[in-house]
Amino acid sequence: MTDPDHEAPTLDPIARTERAVEDVAHSAVDSGITFEVTDVVDAAEPALPGGLPAPTMVTRAGGT
């Protein structure tokens, strides 16, 4: 059994990020402008609660 209070700090930022992705995707479709991952991050960060650790960049094998 999972503890909802324990999951909430993780699930809330994920839900907010999902909303930001959807907002940017709708903007891309509506405007025809191509957006990048950083645009999604910029849209999501203001809605996240304070005190979260700073984001880190993950580099995949092969440099992509």
PDB file of N, CA and C in Angstrom:
ATOM      1  N   MET A   1       0.850  -1.184   0.000  1.00  0.00           N
ATOM      2  CA  MET A   1       0.000   0.000   0.000  1.00  0.00           C
ATOM      3  C   MET A   1       0.894   1.245   0.000  1.00  0.00           C
ATOM      4  N   THR A   2       0.516   2.259  -0.743  1.00  0.00           N
ATOM      5  CA  THR A   2       1.303   3.480  -0.817  1.00  0.00           C
ATOM      6  C   THR A   2       0.690   4.560   0.054  1.00  0.00           C
ATOM      7  N   ASP A   3       1.530   5.448   0.492  1.00  0.00           N
ATOM      8  CA  ASP A   3       1.106   6.555   1.343  1.00  0.00           C
ATOM      9  C   ASP A   3       0.894   7.789   0.458  1.00  0.00           C
ATOM     10  N   PRO A   4      -0.357   8.257   0.278  1.00  0.00           N
ATOM     11  CA  PRO A   4      -0.613   9.405  -0.588  1.00  0.00           C
ATOM     12  C   PRO A   4       0.153  10.655  -0.168  1.00  0.00           C
ATOM     13  N   ASP A   5       0.352  10.850   1.135  1.00  0.00           N
ATOM     14  CA  ASP A   5       1.081  12.033   1.580  1.00  0.00           C
ATOM     15  C   ASP A   5       2.547  11.960   1.165  1.00  0.00           C
ATOM     16  N   HIS A   6       3.070  10.754   1.092  1.00  0.00           N
ATOM     17  CA  HIS A   6       4.464  10.572   0.691  1.00  0.00           C
ATOM     18  C   HIS A   6       4.629  10.798  -0.812  1.00  0.00           C
ATOM     19  N   GLU A   7       3.637  10.426  -1.612  1.00  0.00           N
ATOM     20  CA  GLU A   7       3.715  10.558  -3.061  1.00  0.00           C
ATOM     21  C   GLU A   7       3.411  11.971  -3.543  1.00  0.00           C
ATOM     22  N   ALA A   8       2.658  12.731  -2.790  1.00  0.00           N
ATOM     23  CA  ALA A   8       2.199  14.048  -3.235  1.00  0.00           C
ATOM     24  C   ALA A   8       3.327  14.975  -3.674  1.00  0.00           C
ATOM     25  N   PRO A   9       4.439  15.076  -2.928  1.00  0.00           N
ATOM     26  CA  PRO A   9       5.501  15.989  -3.379  1.00  0.00           C
ATOM     27  C   PRO A   9       6.094  15.598  -4.721  1.00  0.00           C
ATOM     28  N   THR A  10       6.012  14.331  -5.085  1.00  0.00           N
ATOM     29  CA  THR A  10       6.523  13.887  -6.382  1.00  0.00           C
ATOM     30  C   THR A  10       5.477  14.050  -7.465  1.00  0.00           C
ATOM     31  N   LEU A  11       4.250  13.673  -7.178  1.00  0.00           N
ATOM     32  CA  LEU A  11       3.203  13.693  -8.188  1.00  0.00           C
ATOM     33  C   LEU A  11       2.794  15.102  -8.588  1.00  0.00           C
ATOM     34  N   ASP A  12       2.780  16.045  -7.656  1.00  0.00           N
ATOM     35  CA  ASP A  12       2.378  17.415  -7.979  1.00  0.00           C
ATOM     36  C   ASP A  12       3.302  18.047  -9.021  1.00  0.00           C
ATOM     37  N   PRO A  13       4.631  18.026  -8.851  1.00  0.00           N
ATOM     38  CA  PRO A  13       5.488  18.601  -9.899  1.00  0.00           C
ATOM     39  C   PRO A  13       5.362  17.871 -11.236  1.00  0.00           C
ATOM     40  N   ILE A  14       5.121  16.562 -11.193  1.00  0.00           N
ATOM     41  CA  ILE A  14       4.935  15.814 -12.444  1.00  0.00           C
ATOM     42  C   ILE A  14       3.670  16.289 -13.146  1.00  0.00           C
ATOM     43  N   ALA A  15       2.595  16.455 -12.397  1.00  0.00           N
ATOM     44  CA  ALA A  15       1.334  16.925 -12.984  1.00  0.00           C
ATOM     45  C   ALA A  15       1.495  18.334 -13.543  1.00  0.00           C
ATOM     46  N   ARG A  16       2.189  19.191 -12.827  1.00  0.00           N
ATOM     47  CA  ARG A  16       2.405  20.560 -13.307  1.00  0.00           C
ATOM     48  C   ARG A  16       3.254  20.564 -14.575  1.00  0.00           C
ATOM     49  N   THR A  17       4.245  19.688 -14.631  1.00  0.00           N
ATOM     50  CA  THR A  17       5.091  19.585 -15.823  1.00  0.00           C
ATOM     51  C   THR A  17       4.280  19.056 -17.003  1.00  0.00           C
ATOM     52  N   GLU A  18       3.421  18.072 -16.750  1.00  0.00           N
ATOM     53  CA  GLU A  18       2.560  17.559 -17.816  1.00  0.00           C
ATOM     54  C   GLU A  18       1.683  18.662 -18.388  1.00  0.00           C
ATOM     55  N   ARG A  19       1.118  19.504 -17.511  1.00  0.00           N
ATOM     56  CA  ARG A  19       0.286  20.617 -17.980  1.00  0.00           C
ATOM     57  C   ARG A  19       1.115  21.587 -18.825  1.00  0.00           C
ATOM     58  N   ALA A  20       2.343  21.853 -18.409  1.00  0.00           N
ATOM     59  CA  ALA A  20       3.202  22.762 -19.165  1.00  0.00           C
ATOM     60  C   ALA A  20       3.524  22.177 -20.542  1.00  0.00           C
ATOM     61  N   VAL A  21       3.780  20.867 -20.597  1.00  0.00           N
ATOM     62  CA  VAL A  21       4.049  20.213 -21.884  1.00  0.00           C
ATOM     63  C   VAL A  21       2.834  20.348 -22.793  1.00  0.00           C
ATOM     64  N   GLU A  22       1.649  20.110 -22.248  1.00  0.00           N
ATOM     65  CA  GLU A  22       0.431  20.236 -23.047  1.00  0.00           C
ATOM     66  C   GLU A  22       0.229  21.673 -23.520  1.00  0.00           C
ATOM     67  N   ASP A  23       0.477  22.643 -22.659  1.00  0.00           N
ATOM     68  CA  ASP A  23       0.323  24.047 -23.041  1.00  0.00           C
ATOM     69  C   ASP A  23       1.275  24.419 -24.172  1.00  0.00           C
ATOM     70  N   VAL A  24       2.536  23.991 -24.060  1.00  0.00           N
ATOM     71  CA  VAL A  24       3.518  24.306 -25.104  1.00  0.00           C
ATOM     72  C   VAL A  24       3.152  23.572 -26.392  1.00  0.00           C
ATOM     73  N   ALA A  25       2.699  22.325 -26.285  1.00  0.00           N
ATOM     74  CA  ALA A  25       2.301  21.573 -27.482  1.00  0.00           C
ATOM     75  C   ALA A  25       1.132  22.256 -28.187  1.00  0.00           C
ATOM     76  N   HIS A  26       0.138  22.703 -27.415  1.00  0.00           N
ATOM     77  CA  HIS A  26      -0.989  23.419 -28.024  1.00  0.00           C
ATOM     78  C   HIS A  26      -0.514  24.708 -28.687  1.00  0.00           C
ATOM     79  N   SER A  27       0.399  25.415 -28.045  1.00  0.00           N
ATOM     80  CA  SER A  27       0.929  26.642 -28.636  1.00  0.00           C
ATOM     81  C   SER A  27       1.671  26.348 -29.937  1.00  0.00           C
ATOM     82  N   ALA A  28       2.417  25.240 -29.966  1.00  0.00           N
ATOM     83  CA  ALA A  28       3.154  24.866 -31.176  1.00  0.00           C
ATOM     84  C   ALA A  28       2.189  24.565 -32.320  1.00  0.00           C
ATOM     85  N   VAL A  29       1.126  23.827 -32.023  1.00  0.00           N
ATOM     86  CA  VAL A  29       0.148  23.478 -33.057  1.00  0.00           C
ATOM     87  C   VAL A  29      -0.587  24.727 -33.531  1.00  0.00           C
ATOM     88  N   ASP A  30      -1.005  25.556 -32.581  1.00  0.00           N
ATOM     89  CA  ASP A  30      -1.785  26.752 -32.932  1.00  0.00           C
ATOM     90  C   ASP A  30      -0.972  27.770 -33.717  1.00  0.00           C
ATOM     91  N   SER A  31       0.312  27.902 -33.382  1.00  0.00           N
ATOM     92  CA  SER A  31       1.118  28.951 -33.990  1.00  0.00           C
ATOM     93  C   SER A  31       2.010  28.465 -35.130  1.00  0.00           C
ATOM     94  N   GLY A  32       2.260  27.153 -35.189  1.00  0.00           N
ATOM     95  CA  GLY A  32       3.176  26.625 -36.203  1.00  0.00           C
ATOM     96  C   GLY A  32       4.629  26.851 -35.850  1.00  0.00           C
ATOM     97  N   ILE A  33       4.894  27.333 -34.644  1.00  0.00           N
ATOM     98  CA  ILE A  33       6.261  27.595 -34.195  1.00  0.00           C
ATOM     99  C   ILE A  33       6.795  26.355 -33.503  1.00  0.00           C
ATOM    100  N   THR A  34       8.052  26.020 -33.775  1.00  0.00           N
ATOM    101  CA  THR A  34       8.695  24.876 -33.134  1.00  0.00           C
ATOM    102  C   THR A  34       9.259  25.306 -31.792  1.00  0.00           C
ATOM    103  N   PHE A  35       8.986  24.524 -30.754  1.00  0.00           N
ATOM    104  CA  PHE A  35       9.497  24.797 -29.427  1.00  0.00           C
ATOM    105  C   PHE A  35      10.518  23.745 -29.040  1.00  0.00           C
ATOM    106  N   GLU A  36      11.347  24.071 -28.058  1.00  0.00           N
ATOM    107  CA  GLU A  36      12.377  23.159 -27.580  1.00  0.00           C
ATOM    108  C   GLU A  36      12.080  22.761 -26.138  1.00  0.00           C
ATOM    109  N   VAL A  37      12.831  21.771 -25.647  1.00  0.00           N
ATOM    110  CA  VAL A  37      12.651  21.296 -24.278  1.00  0.00           C
ATOM    111  C   VAL A  37      12.801  22.448 -23.286  1.00  0.00           C
ATOM    112  N   THR A  38      13.730  23.350 -23.528  1.00  0.00           N
ATOM    113  CA  THR A  38      13.931  24.468 -22.607  1.00  0.00           C
ATOM    114  C   THR A  38      12.688  25.344 -22.503  1.00  0.00           C
ATOM    115  N   ASP A  39      11.893  25.404 -23.574  1.00  0.00           N
ATOM    116  CA  ASP A  39      10.647  26.172 -23.528  1.00  0.00           C
ATOM    117  C   ASP A  39       9.662  25.533 -22.558  1.00  0.00           C
ATOM    118  N   VAL A  40       9.631  24.196 -22.533  1.00  0.00           N
ATOM    119  CA  VAL A  40       8.756  23.490 -21.603  1.00  0.00           C
ATOM    120  C   VAL A  40       9.237  23.723 -20.179  1.00  0.00           C
ATOM    121  N   VAL A  41      10.545  23.641 -19.972  1.00  0.00           N
ATOM    122  CA  VAL A  41      11.109  23.880 -18.635  1.00  0.00           C
ATOM    123  C   VAL A  41      10.759  25.289 -18.176  1.00  0.00           C
ATOM    124  N   ASP A  42      10.932  26.265 -19.051  1.00  0.00           N
ATOM    125  CA  ASP A  42      10.606  27.653 -18.700  1.00  0.00           C
ATOM    126  C   ASP A  42       9.131  27.817 -18.368  1.00  0.00           C
ATOM    127  N   ALA A  43       8.267  27.060 -19.031  1.00  0.00           N
ATOM    128  CA  ALA A  43       6.830  27.140 -18.754  1.00  0.00           C
ATOM    129  C   ALA A  43       6.473  26.440 -17.449  1.00  0.00           C
ATOM    130  N   ALA A  44       7.194  25.373 -17.116  1.00  0.00           N
ATOM    131  CA  ALA A  44       6.860  24.581 -15.930  1.00  0.00           C
ATOM    132  C   ALA A  44       7.420  25.178 -14.643  1.00  0.00           C
ATOM    133  N   GLU A  45       8.613  25.738 -14.680  1.00  0.00           N
ATOM    134  CA  GLU A  45       9.282  26.173 -13.457  1.00  0.00           C
ATOM    135  C   GLU A  45       8.496  27.157 -12.604  1.00  0.00           C
ATOM    136  N   PRO A  46       7.843  28.188 -13.164  1.00  0.00           N
ATOM    137  CA  PRO A  46       7.129  29.130 -12.302  1.00  0.00           C
ATOM    138  C   PRO A  46       5.983  28.488 -11.505  1.00  0.00           C
ATOM    139  N   ALA A  47       5.432  27.395 -12.006  1.00  0.00           N
ATOM    140  CA  ALA A  47       4.305  26.762 -11.322  1.00  0.00           C
ATOM    141  C   ALA A  47       4.746  25.772 -10.247  1.00  0.00           C
ATOM    142  N   LEU A  48       6.026  25.453 -10.181  1.00  0.00           N
ATOM    143  CA  LEU A  48       6.508  24.469  -9.212  1.00  0.00           C
ATOM    144  C   LEU A  48       6.675  25.114  -7.839  1.00  0.00           C
ATOM    145  N   PRO A  49       6.454  24.334  -6.790  1.00  0.00           N
ATOM    146  CA  PRO A  49       6.622  24.878  -5.442  1.00  0.00           C
ATOM    147  C   PRO A  49       8.089  25.187  -5.154  1.00  0.00           C
ATOM    148  N   GLY A  50       8.324  26.136  -4.275  1.00  0.00           N
ATOM    149  CA  GLY A  50       9.684  26.495  -3.906  1.00  0.00           C
ATOM    150  C   GLY A  50      10.367  25.392  -3.124  1.00  0.00           C
ATOM    151  N   GLY A  51      11.685  25.457  -3.062  1.00  0.00           N
ATOM    152  CA  GLY A  51      12.438  24.510  -2.264  1.00  0.00           C
ATOM    153  C   GLY A  51      12.802  23.217  -2.978  1.00  0.00           C
ATOM    154  N   LEU A  52      12.452  23.109  -4.249  1.00  0.00           N
ATOM    155  CA  LEU A  52      12.839  21.908  -4.989  1.00  0.00           C
ATOM    156  C   LEU A  52      14.318  22.002  -5.353  1.00  0.00           C
ATOM    157  N   PRO A  53      14.997  20.862  -5.485  1.00  0.00           N
ATOM    158  CA  PRO A  53      16.399  20.919  -5.897  1.00  0.00           C
ATOM    159  C   PRO A  53      16.524  21.483  -7.303  1.00  0.00           C
ATOM    160  N   ALA A  54      17.666  22.064  -7.581  1.00  0.00           N
ATOM    161  CA  ALA A  54      17.911  22.633  -8.921  1.00  0.00           C
ATOM    162  C   ALA A  54      17.907  21.510  -9.954  1.00  0.00           C
ATOM    163  N   PRO A  55      17.424  21.792 -11.159  1.00  0.00           N
ATOM    164  CA  PRO A  55      17.427  20.762 -12.185  1.00  0.00           C
ATOM    165  C   PRO A  55      18.861  20.404 -12.603  1.00  0.00           C
ATOM    166  N   THR A  56      19.002  19.198 -13.076  1.00  0.00           N
ATOM    167  CA  THR A  56      20.304  18.749 -13.567  1.00  0.00           C
ATOM    168  C   THR A  56      20.154  18.300 -15.005  1.00  0.00           C
ATOM    169  N   MET A  57      21.225  18.421 -15.762  1.00  0.00           N
ATOM    170  CA  MET A  57      21.217  17.999 -17.159  1.00  0.00           C
ATOM    171  C   MET A  57      21.718  16.570 -17.225  1.00  0.00           C
ATOM    172  N   VAL A  58      20.969  15.722 -17.892  1.00  0.00           N
ATOM    173  CA  VAL A  58      21.362  14.329 -18.088  1.00  0.00           C
ATOM    174  C   VAL A  58      21.885  14.189 -19.496  1.00  0.00           C
ATOM    175  N   THR A  59      23.083  13.666 -19.637  1.00  0.00           N
ATOM    176  CA  THR A  59      23.651  13.440 -20.959  1.00  0.00           C
ATOM    177  C   THR A  59      23.629  11.940 -21.231  1.00  0.00           C
ATOM    178  N   ARG A  60      23.056  11.586 -22.339  1.00  0.00           N
ATOM    179  CA  ARG A  60      22.966  10.172 -22.723  1.00  0.00           C
ATOM    180  C   ARG A  60      24.239   9.756 -23.453  1.00  0.00           C
ATOM    181  N   ALA A  61      24.506   8.457 -23.438  1.00  0.00           N
ATOM    182  CA  ALA A  61      25.658   7.925 -24.158  1.00  0.00           C
ATOM    183  C   ALA A  61      25.565   8.330 -25.616  1.00  0.00           C
ATOM    184  N   GLY A  62      26.664   8.707 -26.198  1.00  0.00           N
ATOM    185  CA  GLY A  62      26.657   9.158 -27.581  1.00  0.00           C
ATOM    186  C   GLY A  62      26.523  10.670 -27.699  1.00  0.00           C
ATOM    187  N   GLY A  63      26.393  11.364 -26.554  1.00  0.00           N
ATOM    188  CA  GLY A  63      26.374  12.821 -26.562  1.00  0.00           C
ATOM    189  C   GLY A  63      25.064  13.458 -26.957  1.00  0.00           C
ATOM    190  N   THR A  64      23.959  12.714 -26.950  1.00  0.00           N
ATOM    191  CA  THR A  64      22.678  13.319 -27.317  1.00  0.00           C
ATOM    192  C   THR A  64      21.867  13.610 -26.086  1.00  0.00           C
TER     193      THR A  64
END
